[in-house]
Amino acid sequence: EVQLQAFGGGLVQPGGSLRLSCAASGFTFSTFAMNWVRLAPGKGFERVSGINSEGDRTTYADSVKGRFIISRDNAKNTLYLQMNSLKPEDTAVYYCLNSITRGQGTLVTVSS
């Protein structure tokens, strides 16, 4: 069964950091580009970041550029999103996805 499971969300104060992880199974993870998207309350989906299959090319939304870092470990079938200098507007459910599936999200709440 093709699966992606994101975890690592939680409540963090503005200016804080969190690291999200996404565990992949049921497919050859190393052959797929991967993405993080988020869904904030009252807003549509926003593509936060993407990374190619080899892990040497990354893209970021302007809203997170310079604060978030996407990475992957193909040996561990895991995708990561390091989120620094978090802002209240980063509050959202974060999902990992590729061209064949989207995982269950993990909630990130940035609040004092």
Protein backbone atom coordinates (compact mmCIF):
# COMPACT_ATOMS: atom_id res chain seq x y z
CA GLU A 1 0.00 0.00 0.00
CA VAL A 2 1.31 3.41 -1.02
CA GLN A 3 1.53 5.60 2.08
CA LEU A 4 2.89 8.92 3.25
CA GLN A 5 2.64 9.85 6.90
CA ALA A 6 3.61 13.30 8.13
CA PHE A 7 4.40 13.93 11.78
CA GLY A 8 6.23 16.36 14.01
CA GLY A 9 3.69 19.16 14.20
CA GLY A 10 2.67 20.87 17.39
CA LEU A 11 2.31 24.17 19.20
CA VAL A 12 5.25 26.54 19.02
CA GLN A 13 5.77 30.17 19.93
CA PRO A 14 6.50 32.79 17.28
CA GLY A 15 10.17 32.71 16.41
CA GLY A 16 10.46 29.06 17.32
CA SER A 17 11.36 26.02 15.23
CA LEU A 18 9.87 22.67 14.33
CA ARG A 19 11.03 19.80 12.17
CA LEU A 20 8.43 17.88 10.23
CA SER A 21 9.06 14.40 8.92
CA CYS A 22 7.23 12.35 6.33
CA ALA A 23 7.66 8.59 6.25
CA ALA A 24 7.07 6.90 2.90
CA SER A 25 6.22 3.29 2.19
CA GLY A 26 4.81 1.12 -0.55
CA PHE A 27 6.67 2.76 -3.43
CA THR A 28 10.21 3.55 -4.54
CA PHE A 29 10.67 6.78 -2.63
CA SER A 30 14.02 7.63 -4.23
CA THR A 31 12.48 7.95 -7.69
CA PHE A 32 9.87 10.57 -6.82
CA ALA A 33 10.09 14.33 -6.41
CA MET A 34 8.39 15.31 -3.17
CA ASN A 35 6.54 18.35 -1.92
CA TRP A 36 5.23 19.93 1.23
CA VAL A 37 1.96 21.82 1.00
CA ARG A 38 -0.11 23.42 3.71
CA LEU A 39 -3.72 24.31 4.33
CA ALA A 40 -4.31 27.25 6.61
CA PRO A 41 -7.66 28.07 8.22
CA GLY A 42 -9.87 29.84 5.73
CA LYS A 43 -7.32 29.60 2.92
CA GLY A 44 -6.55 27.31 0.02
CA PHE A 45 -3.65 24.91 -0.34
CA GLU A 46 -0.24 26.52 -0.64
CA ARG A 47 2.77 24.70 -2.01
CA VAL A 48 5.46 25.37 0.57
CA SER A 49 8.47 23.56 -0.84
CA GLY A 50 9.60 20.90 -3.28
CA ILE A 51 12.65 18.70 -3.76
CA ASN A 52 13.73 16.53 -6.66
CA SER A 53 14.29 12.79 -6.37
CA GLU A 54 18.04 13.10 -5.86
CA GLY A 55 17.68 15.80 -3.26
CA ASP A 56 19.93 18.34 -4.94
CA ARG A 57 17.31 20.76 -6.21
CA THR A 58 14.84 22.55 -4.00
CA THR A 59 12.18 25.21 -4.38
CA TYR A 60 10.36 27.37 -1.85
CA ALA A 61 7.34 29.61 -1.70
CA ASP A 62 8.28 33.25 -1.20
CA SER A 63 6.42 33.17 2.11
CA VAL A 64 8.89 30.66 3.61
CA LYS A 65 12.09 31.31 1.67
CA GLY A 66 15.05 31.77 4.01
CA ARG A 67 13.17 30.23 6.95
CA PHE A 68 12.29 26.69 5.88
CA ILE A 69 14.61 23.96 4.61
CA ILE A 70 13.42 20.86 2.79
CA SER A 71 15.55 17.73 2.69
CA ARG A 72 15.26 14.01 2.19
CA ASP A 73 17.00 10.80 3.17
CA ASN A 74 16.38 8.25 0.45
CA ALA A 75 18.01 5.50 2.49
CA LYS A 76 15.40 6.05 5.20
CA ASN A 77 12.49 6.80 2.83
CA THR A 78 11.89 10.02 4.70
CA LEU A 79 11.22 13.63 3.75
CA TYR A 80 11.87 16.52 6.13
CA LEU A 81 10.91 20.14 6.55
CA GLN A 82 12.94 22.21 8.99
CA MET A 83 10.90 25.27 9.91
CA ASN A 84 12.65 28.17 11.61
CA SER A 85 11.58 31.66 12.65
CA LEU A 86 7.99 30.54 12.66
CA LYS A 87 5.23 33.10 12.36
CA PRO A 88 1.55 32.94 13.30
CA GLU A 89 0.71 32.91 9.59
CA ASP A 90 2.56 29.59 9.29
CA THR A 91 -0.24 27.98 11.27
CA ALA A 92 -1.69 25.25 9.05
CA VAL A 93 -2.01 21.56 8.45
CA TYR A 94 1.10 20.43 6.60
CA TYR A 95 1.00 17.59 4.09
CA CYS A 96 3.66 15.75 2.17
CA LEU A 97 2.78 14.56 -1.29
CA ASN A 98 4.07 13.39 -4.61
CA SER A 99 2.51 12.64 -7.97
CA ILE A 100 0.77 9.49 -6.76
CA THR A 101 -0.37 10.16 -3.23
CA ARG A 102 -0.82 12.61 -0.40
CA GLY A 103 -0.35 11.69 3.22
CA GLN A 104 -2.35 12.61 6.28
CA GLY A 105 -1.30 16.00 7.52
CA THR A 106 0.24 17.24 10.72
CA LEU A 107 -0.99 20.39 12.44
CA VAL A 108 1.41 23.23 13.15
CA THR A 109 0.16 26.00 15.41
CA VAL A 110 2.26 29.10 15.93
CA SER A 111 0.95 31.12 18.83
CA SER A 112 2.06 32.79 22.00
